[in-house]
PDB file of N, CA and C in Angstrom:
ATOM      1  N   MET A   1      54.178 137.679  59.884  1.00  0.00           N
ATOM      2  CA  MET A   1      53.745 138.745  58.962  1.00  0.00           C
ATOM      3  C   MET A   1      54.041 138.196  57.411  1.00  0.00           C
ATOM      4  N   THR A   2      53.240 138.634  56.580  1.00  0.00           N
ATOM      5  CA  THR A   2      53.456 138.287  55.122  1.00  0.00           C
ATOM      6  C   THR A   2      54.328 139.355  54.438  1.00  0.00           C
ATOM      7  N   LEU A   3      54.850 139.051  53.293  1.00  0.00           N
ATOM      8  CA  LEU A   3      55.640 139.965  52.556  1.00  0.00           C
ATOM      9  C   LEU A   3      54.774 141.280  52.205  1.00  0.00           C
ATOM     10  N   LEU A   4      53.487 141.141  51.962  1.00  0.00           N
ATOM     11  CA  LEU A   4      52.754 142.312  51.796  1.00  0.00           C
ATOM     12  C   LEU A   4      52.532 143.203  53.020  1.00  0.00           C
ATOM     13  N   GLU A   5      52.549 142.591  54.229  1.00  0.00           N
ATOM     14  CA  GLU A   5      52.468 143.293  55.443  1.00  0.00           C
ATOM     15  C   GLU A   5      53.733 144.011  55.686  1.00  0.00           C
ATOM     16  N   ASP A   6      54.875 143.319  55.371  1.00  0.00           N
ATOM     17  CA  ASP A   6      56.203 143.880  55.614  1.00  0.00           C
ATOM     18  C   ASP A   6      56.339 145.078  54.591  1.00  0.00           C
ATOM     19  N   ILE A   7      55.902 145.134  53.465  1.00  0.00           N
ATOM     20  CA  ILE A   7      55.915 146.246  52.553  1.00  0.00           C
ATOM     21  C   ILE A   7      55.179 147.472  53.150  1.00  0.00           C
ATOM     22  N   GLU A   8      54.103 147.192  53.679  1.00  0.00           N
ATOM     23  CA  GLU A   8      53.243 148.144  54.251  1.00  0.00           C
ATOM     24  C   GLU A   8      53.864 148.703  55.542  1.00  0.00           C
ATOM     25  N   LEU A   9      54.532 147.886  56.270  1.00  0.00           N
ATOM     26  CA  LEU A   9      55.373 148.309  57.471  1.00  0.00           C
ATOM     27  C   LEU A   9      56.579 149.195  56.987  1.00  0.00           C
ATOM     28  N   ALA A  10      57.252 148.857  55.950  1.00  0.00           N
ATOM     29  CA  ALA A  10      58.322 149.815  55.551  1.00  0.00           C
ATOM     30  C   ALA A  10      57.699 151.107  55.114  1.00  0.00           C
ATOM     31  N   LYS A  11      56.561 151.097  54.364  1.00  0.00           N
ATOM     32  CA  LYS A  11      55.889 152.466  53.956  1.00  0.00           C
ATOM     33  C   LYS A  11      55.476 153.161  55.182  1.00  0.00           C
ATOM     34  N   ALA A  12      55.168 152.539  56.196  1.00  0.00           N
ATOM     35  CA  ALA A  12      54.626 153.256  57.466  1.00  0.00           C
ATOM     36  C   ALA A  12      55.952 153.922  58.054  1.00  0.00           C
ATOM     37  N   PHE A  13      57.000 153.133  58.099  1.00  0.00           N
ATOM     38  CA  PHE A  13      58.061 153.762  58.837  1.00  0.00           C
ATOM     39  C   PHE A  13      58.639 154.930  58.001  1.00  0.00           C
ATOM     40  N   VAL A  14      58.653 154.900  56.640  1.00  0.00           N
ATOM     41  CA  VAL A  14      59.132 155.997  55.825  1.00  0.00           C
ATOM     42  C   VAL A  14      58.202 157.197  55.980  1.00  0.00           C
ATOM     43  N   ALA A  15      56.902 156.916  56.100  1.00  0.00           N
ATOM     44  CA  ALA A  15      55.878 157.973  56.200  1.00  0.00           C
ATOM     45  C   ALA A  15      56.003 158.714  57.556  1.00  0.00           C
ATOM     46  N   THR A  16      56.306 157.839  58.552  1.00  0.00           N
ATOM     47  CA  THR A  16      56.455 158.378  60.008  1.00  0.00           C
ATOM     48  C   THR A  16      57.670 159.243  60.168  1.00  0.00           C
ATOM     49  N   SER A  17      58.794 158.673  59.502  1.00  0.00           N
ATOM     50  CA  SER A  17      60.187 159.313  59.616  1.00  0.00           C
ATOM     51  C   SER A  17      60.253 160.662  58.791  1.00  0.00           C
ATOM     52  N   GLU A  18      59.460 160.677  57.778  1.00  0.00           N
ATOM     53  CA  GLU A  18      59.362 161.960  56.971  1.00  0.00           C
ATOM     54  C   GLU A  18      58.418 163.052  57.382  1.00  0.00           C
ATOM     55  N   ASP A  19      57.580 162.550  58.440  1.00  0.00           N
ATOM     56  CA  ASP A  19      56.676 163.451  59.082  1.00  0.00           C
ATOM     57  C   ASP A  19      57.450 164.640  59.996  1.00  0.00           C
ATOM     58  N   SER A  20      57.338 165.854  59.488  1.00  0.00           N
ATOM     59  CA  SER A  20      58.107 166.905  60.162  1.00  0.00           C
ATOM     60  C   SER A  20      57.759 167.059  61.663  1.00  0.00           C
ATOM     61  N   ILE A  21      56.538 166.778  61.959  1.00  0.00           N
ATOM     62  CA  ILE A  21      56.121 166.857  63.414  1.00  0.00           C
ATOM     63  C   ILE A  21      56.600 165.673  64.289  1.00  0.00           C
ATOM     64  N   VAL A  22      56.416 164.515  63.801  1.00  0.00           N
ATOM     65  CA  VAL A  22      56.850 163.389  64.435  1.00  0.00           C
ATOM     66  C   VAL A  22      58.244 163.056  64.312  1.00  0.00           C
ATOM     67  N   GLY A  23      58.720 162.864  63.084  1.00  0.00           N
ATOM     68  CA  GLY A  23      60.174 162.741  62.716  1.00  0.00           C
ATOM     69  C   GLY A  23      60.969 162.192  63.791  1.00  0.00           C
ATOM     70  N   SER A  24      62.237 162.645  63.824  1.00  0.00           N
ATOM     71  CA  SER A  24      63.206 162.393  64.812  1.00  0.00           C
ATOM     72  C   SER A  24      63.218 162.900  66.041  1.00  0.00           C
ATOM     73  N   ASN A  25      62.346 163.983  66.233  1.00  0.00           N
ATOM     74  CA  ASN A  25      62.265 164.707  67.451  1.00  0.00           C
ATOM     75  C   ASN A  25      61.383 164.047  68.500  1.00  0.00           C
ATOM     76  N   GLN A  26      60.673 163.085  68.202  1.00  0.00           N
ATOM     77  CA  GLN A  26      59.627 162.486  68.967  1.00  0.00           C
ATOM     78  C   GLN A  26      60.437 161.524  70.008  1.00  0.00           C
ATOM     79  N   LYS A  27      59.748 161.219  71.144  1.00  0.00           N
ATOM     80  CA  LYS A  27      60.228 160.192  71.837  1.00  0.00           C
ATOM     81  C   LYS A  27      59.867 158.853  71.199  1.00  0.00           C
ATOM     82  N   SER A  28      60.551 157.738  71.562  1.00  0.00           N
ATOM     83  CA  SER A  28      60.374 156.510  70.838  1.00  0.00           C
ATOM     84  C   SER A  28      59.045 156.046  70.981  1.00  0.00           C
ATOM     85  N   THR A  29      58.348 156.185  72.126  1.00  0.00           N
ATOM     86  CA  THR A  29      56.973 155.662  72.332  1.00  0.00           C
ATOM     87  C   THR A  29      56.003 156.432  71.288  1.00  0.00           C
ATOM     88  N   ASP A  30      56.253 157.730  71.125  1.00  0.00           N
ATOM     89  CA  ASP A  30      55.345 158.484  70.290  1.00  0.00           C
ATOM     90  C   ASP A  30      55.452 158.055  68.803  1.00  0.00           C
ATOM     91  N   PHE A  31      56.938 157.813  68.483  1.00  0.00           N
ATOM     92  CA  PHE A  31      57.156 157.498  67.149  1.00  0.00           C
ATOM     93  C   PHE A  31      56.642 155.980  66.724  1.00  0.00           C
ATOM     94  N   LYS A  32      56.622 155.091  67.761  1.00  0.00           N
ATOM     95  CA  LYS A  32      56.133 153.804  67.538  1.00  0.00           C
ATOM     96  C   LYS A  32      54.542 153.944  67.398  1.00  0.00           C
ATOM     97  N   ALA A  33      53.813 154.843  68.180  1.00  0.00           N
ATOM     98  CA  ALA A  33      52.456 154.980  68.122  1.00  0.00           C
ATOM     99  C   ALA A  33      52.043 155.358  66.748  1.00  0.00           C
ATOM    100  N   LYS A  34      52.823 156.535  66.306  1.00  0.00           N
ATOM    101  CA  LYS A  34      52.431 157.070  64.998  1.00  0.00           C
ATOM    102  C   LYS A  34      52.663 156.090  63.921  1.00  0.00           C
ATOM    103  N   MET A  35      53.789 155.264  64.002  1.00  0.00           N
ATOM    104  CA  MET A  35      54.103 154.310  62.977  1.00  0.00           C
ATOM    105  C   MET A  35      52.992 153.167  62.929  1.00  0.00           C
ATOM    106  N   LEU A  36      52.551 152.801  64.140  1.00  0.00           N
ATOM    107  CA  LEU A  36      51.303 151.858  64.103  1.00  0.00           C
ATOM    108  C   LEU A  36      50.163 152.395  63.422  1.00  0.00           C
ATOM    109  N   SER A  37      49.796 153.642  63.815  1.00  0.00           N
ATOM    110  CA  SER A  37      48.689 154.364  63.135  1.00  0.00           C
ATOM    111  C   SER A  37      48.826 154.381  61.702  1.00  0.00           C
ATOM    112  N   ASN A  38      49.999 154.807  61.197  1.00  0.00           N
ATOM    113  CA  ASN A  38      50.381 154.939  59.723  1.00  0.00           C
ATOM    114  C   ASN A  38      50.213 153.587  59.010  1.00  0.00           C
ATOM    115  N   TYR A  39      50.587 152.399  59.729  1.00  0.00           N
ATOM    116  CA  TYR A  39      50.559 151.074  59.171  1.00  0.00           C
ATOM    117  C   TYR A  39      49.145 150.615  59.021  1.00  0.00           C
ATOM    118  N   ASN A  40      48.359 150.928  59.991  1.00  0.00           N
ATOM    119  CA  ASN A  40      46.982 150.470  60.043  1.00  0.00           C
ATOM    120  C   ASN A  40      46.134 151.378  59.034  1.00  0.00           C
ATOM    121  N   VAL A  41      46.617 152.505  58.631  1.00  0.00           N
ATOM    122  CA  VAL A  41      45.914 153.172  57.631  1.00  0.00           C
ATOM    123  C   VAL A  41      46.271 152.743  56.220  1.00  0.00           C
ATOM    124  N   LEU A  42      47.463 152.353  56.052  1.00  0.00           N
ATOM    125  CA  LEU A  42      47.975 151.811  54.760  1.00  0.00           C
ATOM    126  C   LEU A  42      47.338 150.381  54.616  1.00  0.00           C
ATOM    127  N   VAL A  43      47.201 149.639  55.686  1.00  0.00           N
ATOM    128  CA  VAL A  43      46.580 148.214  55.503  1.00  0.00           C
ATOM    129  C   VAL A  43      45.153 148.246  55.120  1.00  0.00           C
ATOM    130  N   ALA A  44      44.433 149.340  55.774  1.00  0.00           N
ATOM    131  CA  ALA A  44      42.960 149.514  55.529  1.00  0.00           C
ATOM    132  C   ALA A  44      42.904 149.883  53.893  1.00  0.00           C
ATOM    133  N   LYS A  45      43.772 150.784  53.469  1.00  0.00           N
ATOM    134  CA  LYS A  45      43.705 151.092  52.012  1.00  0.00           C
ATOM    135  C   LYS A  45      44.048 149.896  51.190  1.00  0.00           C
ATOM    136  N   HIS A  46      45.086 149.048  51.615  1.00  0.00           N
ATOM    137  CA  HIS A  46      45.428 147.892  50.812  1.00  0.00           C
ATOM    138  C   HIS A  46      44.193 146.952  50.748  1.00  0.00           C
ATOM    139  N   ASN A  47      43.554 146.741  51.938  1.00  0.00           N
ATOM    140  CA  ASN A  47      42.550 145.752  52.061  1.00  0.00           C
ATOM    141  C   ASN A  47      41.270 146.179  51.182  1.00  0.00           C
ATOM    142  N   LYS A  48      41.085 147.391  50.965  1.00  0.00           N
ATOM    143  CA  LYS A  48      39.927 147.862  50.137  1.00  0.00           C
ATOM    144  C   LYS A  48      40.117 147.528  48.661  1.00  0.00           C
ATOM    145  N   ASN A  49      41.400 147.504  48.193  1.00  0.00           N
ATOM    146  CA  ASN A  49      41.768 147.321  46.801  1.00  0.00           C
ATOM    147  C   ASN A  49      42.251 146.019  46.287  1.00  0.00           C
ATOM    148  N   TYR A  50      42.498 145.169  47.344  1.00  0.00           N
ATOM    149  CA  TYR A  50      43.078 143.784  46.880  1.00  0.00           C
ATOM    150  C   TYR A  50      42.241 142.652  47.597  1.00  0.00           C
ATOM    151  N   THR A  51      42.313 141.443  47.020  1.00  0.00           N
ATOM    152  CA  THR A  51      41.607 140.478  47.627  1.00  0.00           C
ATOM    153  C   THR A  51      42.473 139.782  48.746  1.00  0.00           C
ATOM    154  N   LYS A  52      43.754 139.837  48.626  1.00  0.00           N
ATOM    155  CA  LYS A  52      44.678 139.333  49.746  1.00  0.00           C
ATOM    156  C   LYS A  52      44.757 140.234  50.855  1.00  0.00           C
ATOM    157  N   GLN A  53      44.215 139.882  51.983  1.00  0.00           N
ATOM    158  CA  GLN A  53      44.099 140.916  53.042  1.00  0.00           C
ATOM    159  C   GLN A  53      45.244 140.920  53.964  1.00  0.00           C
ATOM    160  N   CYS A  54      45.547 142.074  54.513  1.00  0.00           N
ATOM    161  CA  CYS A  54      46.636 142.140  55.506  1.00  0.00           C
ATOM    162  C   CYS A  54      45.932 142.308  56.900  1.00  0.00           C
ATOM    163  N   VAL A  55      46.549 142.004  57.947  1.00  0.00           N
ATOM    164  CA  VAL A  55      45.889 142.082  59.271  1.00  0.00           C
ATOM    165  C   VAL A  55      46.350 143.415  59.910  1.00  0.00           C
ATOM    166  N   GLN A  56      45.362 144.159  60.607  1.00  0.00           N
ATOM    167  CA  GLN A  56      45.741 145.313  61.396  1.00  0.00           C
ATOM    168  C   GLN A  56      46.377 144.917  62.667  1.00  0.00           C
ATOM    169  N   ARG A  57      47.294 145.715  62.977  1.00  0.00           N
ATOM    170  CA  ARG A  57      48.031 145.392  64.376  1.00  0.00           C
ATOM    171  C   ARG A  57      47.548 146.280  65.455  1.00  0.00           C
ATOM    172  N   ASN A  58      47.777 145.801  66.619  1.00  0.00           N
ATOM    173  CA  ASN A  58      47.428 146.658  67.888  1.00  0.00           C
ATOM    174  C   ASN A  58      48.717 146.893  68.798  1.00  0.00           C
ATOM    175  N   ASN A  59      49.711 146.116  68.618  1.00  0.00           N
ATOM    176  CA  ASN A  59      50.857 146.315  69.522  1.00  0.00           C
ATOM    177  C   ASN A  59      51.936 147.107  68.805  1.00  0.00           C
ATOM    178  N   LYS A  60      52.276 148.379  69.201  1.00  0.00           N
ATOM    179  CA  LYS A  60      53.277 149.058  68.516  1.00  0.00           C
ATOM    180  C   LYS A  60      54.663 148.651  68.750  1.00  0.00           C
ATOM    181  N   ASN A  61      54.974 148.003  69.911  1.00  0.00           N
ATOM    182  CA  ASN A  61      56.288 147.379  70.298  1.00  0.00           C
ATOM    183  C   ASN A  61      56.670 146.282  69.421  1.00  0.00           C
ATOM    184  N   SER A  62      55.622 145.309  69.224  1.00  0.00           N
ATOM    185  CA  SER A  62      55.761 144.203  68.283  1.00  0.00           C
ATOM    186  C   SER A  62      55.987 144.627  66.878  1.00  0.00           C
ATOM    187  N   LEU A  63      55.254 145.633  66.425  1.00  0.00           N
ATOM    188  CA  LEU A  63      55.294 146.093  64.940  1.00  0.00           C
ATOM    189  C   LEU A  63      56.841 146.748  64.841  1.00  0.00           C
ATOM    190  N   TYR A  64      57.211 147.529  65.733  1.00  0.00           N
ATOM    191  CA  TYR A  64      58.485 148.091  65.599  1.00  0.00           C
ATOM    192  C   TYR A  64      59.593 147.177  65.776  1.00  0.00           C
ATOM    193  N   ALA A  65      59.498 146.057  66.509  1.00  0.00           N
ATOM    194  CA  ALA A  65      60.374 144.940  66.573  1.00  0.00           C
ATOM    195  C   ALA A  65      60.543 144.253  65.234  1.00  0.00           C
ATOM    196  N   ARG A  66      59.467 144.128  64.660  1.00  0.00           N
ATOM    197  CA  ARG A  66      59.358 143.464  63.128  1.00  0.00           C
ATOM    198  C   ARG A  66      60.138 144.363  62.320  1.00  0.00           C
ATOM    199  N   PHE A  67      60.046 145.626  62.353  1.00  0.00           N
ATOM    200  CA  PHE A  67      60.608 146.503  61.451  1.00  0.00           C
ATOM    201  C   PHE A  67      62.060 146.525  61.678  1.00  0.00           C
ATOM    202  N   LYS A  68      62.492 146.439  62.858  1.00  0.00           N
ATOM    203  CA  LYS A  68      63.979 146.340  63.101  1.00  0.00           C
ATOM    204  C   LYS A  68      64.744 145.094  62.216  1.00  0.00           C
ATOM    205  N   HIS A  69      64.022 144.181  61.984  1.00  0.00           N
ATOM    206  CA  HIS A  69      64.437 143.061  61.222  1.00  0.00           C
ATOM    207  C   HIS A  69      64.496 143.552  59.720  1.00  0.00           C
ATOM    208  N   LEU A  70      63.672 144.355  59.418  1.00  0.00           N
ATOM    209  CA  LEU A  70      63.587 144.821  57.975  1.00  0.00           C
ATOM    210  C   LEU A  70      64.459 146.061  57.708  1.00  0.00           C
ATOM    211  N   SER A  71      64.892 146.689  58.707  1.00  0.00           N
ATOM    212  CA  SER A  71      65.422 148.086  58.530  1.00  0.00           C
ATOM    213  C   SER A  71      66.524 148.174  57.587  1.00  0.00           C
ATOM    214  N   ARG A  72      67.477 147.165  57.566  1.00  0.00           N
ATOM    215  CA  ARG A  72      68.520 147.241  56.760  1.00  0.00           C
ATOM    216  C   ARG A  72      68.117 147.160  55.288  1.00  0.00           C
ATOM    217  N   LEU A  73      67.208 146.350  54.975  1.00  0.00           N
ATOM    218  CA  LEU A  73      66.620 146.339  53.638  1.00  0.00           C
ATOM    219  C   LEU A  73      66.023 147.630  53.187  1.00  0.00           C
ATOM    220  N   THR A  74      65.265 148.287  54.093  1.00  0.00           N
ATOM    221  CA  THR A  74      64.518 149.521  53.904  1.00  0.00           C
ATOM    222  C   THR A  74      65.488 150.624  53.615  1.00  0.00           C
ATOM    223  N   LEU A  75      66.518 150.622  54.473  1.00  0.00           N
ATOM    224  CA  LEU A  75      67.620 151.782  54.264  1.00  0.00           C
ATOM    225  C   LEU A  75      68.241 151.594  52.904  1.00  0.00           C
ATOM    226  N   LYS A  76      68.460 150.333  52.413  1.00  0.00           N
ATOM    227  CA  LYS A  76      69.067 150.135  51.094  1.00  0.00           C
ATOM    228  C   LYS A  76      68.067 150.675  50.083  1.00  0.00           C
ATOM    229  N   MET A  77      66.865 150.361  50.307  1.00  0.00           N
ATOM    230  CA  MET A  77      65.761 150.751  49.351  1.00  0.00           C
ATOM    231  C   MET A  77      65.773 152.288  49.210  1.00  0.00           C
ATOM    232  N   LEU A  78      65.810 153.002  50.410  1.00  0.00           N
ATOM    233  CA  LEU A  78      65.793 154.596  50.392  1.00  0.00           C
ATOM    234  C   LEU A  78      67.025 154.988  49.674  1.00  0.00           C
ATOM    235  N   GLY A  79      68.183 154.332  49.979  1.00  0.00           N
ATOM    236  CA  GLY A  79      69.410 154.844  49.267  1.00  0.00           C
ATOM    237  C   GLY A  79      69.323 154.646  47.835  1.00  0.00           C
ATOM    238  N   ILE A  80      68.747 153.668  47.350  1.00  0.00           N
ATOM    239  CA  ILE A  80      68.662 153.394  45.969  1.00  0.00           C
ATOM    240  C   ILE A  80      67.600 154.411  45.339  1.00  0.00           C
ATOM    241  N   GLU A  81      66.558 154.724  46.067  1.00  0.00           N
ATOM    242  CA  GLU A  81      65.500 155.658  45.506  1.00  0.00           C
ATOM    243  C   GLU A  81      66.199 157.156  45.602  1.00  0.00           C
ATOM    244  N   GLU A  82      67.090 157.349  46.579  1.00  0.00           N
ATOM    245  CA  GLU A  82      67.753 158.669  46.607  1.00  0.00           C
ATOM    246  C   GLU A  82      68.767 158.913  45.372  1.00  0.00           C
ATOM    247  N   THR A  83      69.514 157.838  45.009  1.00  0.00           N
ATOM    248  CA  THR A  83      70.446 157.895  44.038  1.00  0.00           C
ATOM    249  C   THR A  83      69.771 157.922  42.727  1.00  0.00           C
ATOM    250  N   MET A  84      68.728 157.139  42.488  1.00  0.00           N
ATOM    251  CA  MET A  84      67.930 157.032  41.160  1.00  0.00           C
ATOM    252  C   MET A  84      67.164 158.370  40.924  1.00  0.00           C
ATOM    253  N   GLY A  85      66.796 159.140  41.976  1.00  0.00           N
ATOM    254  CA  GLY A  85      65.968 160.295  41.842  1.00  0.00           C
ATOM    255  C   GLY A  85      64.542 159.945  41.802  1.00  0.00           C
TER     256      GLY A  85
END
């Protein structure tokens, strides 16, 4: 995955975790499926606006595994955003 795809992945995780219906009350399979769906929507929007294209994904487990590598950085970003307002 490229850096652009990693950014969209982080956005998809945040959108999924902030969703009051899916959020932390869902089973991990449902959470991963919603995260994949959010990711593909974000990538489609990105691809419409930029020449550098991102690839849509089909495997929710693979996508989530990739996010686990990025989660420390994402949590740090969320902490900075919360602190800065």
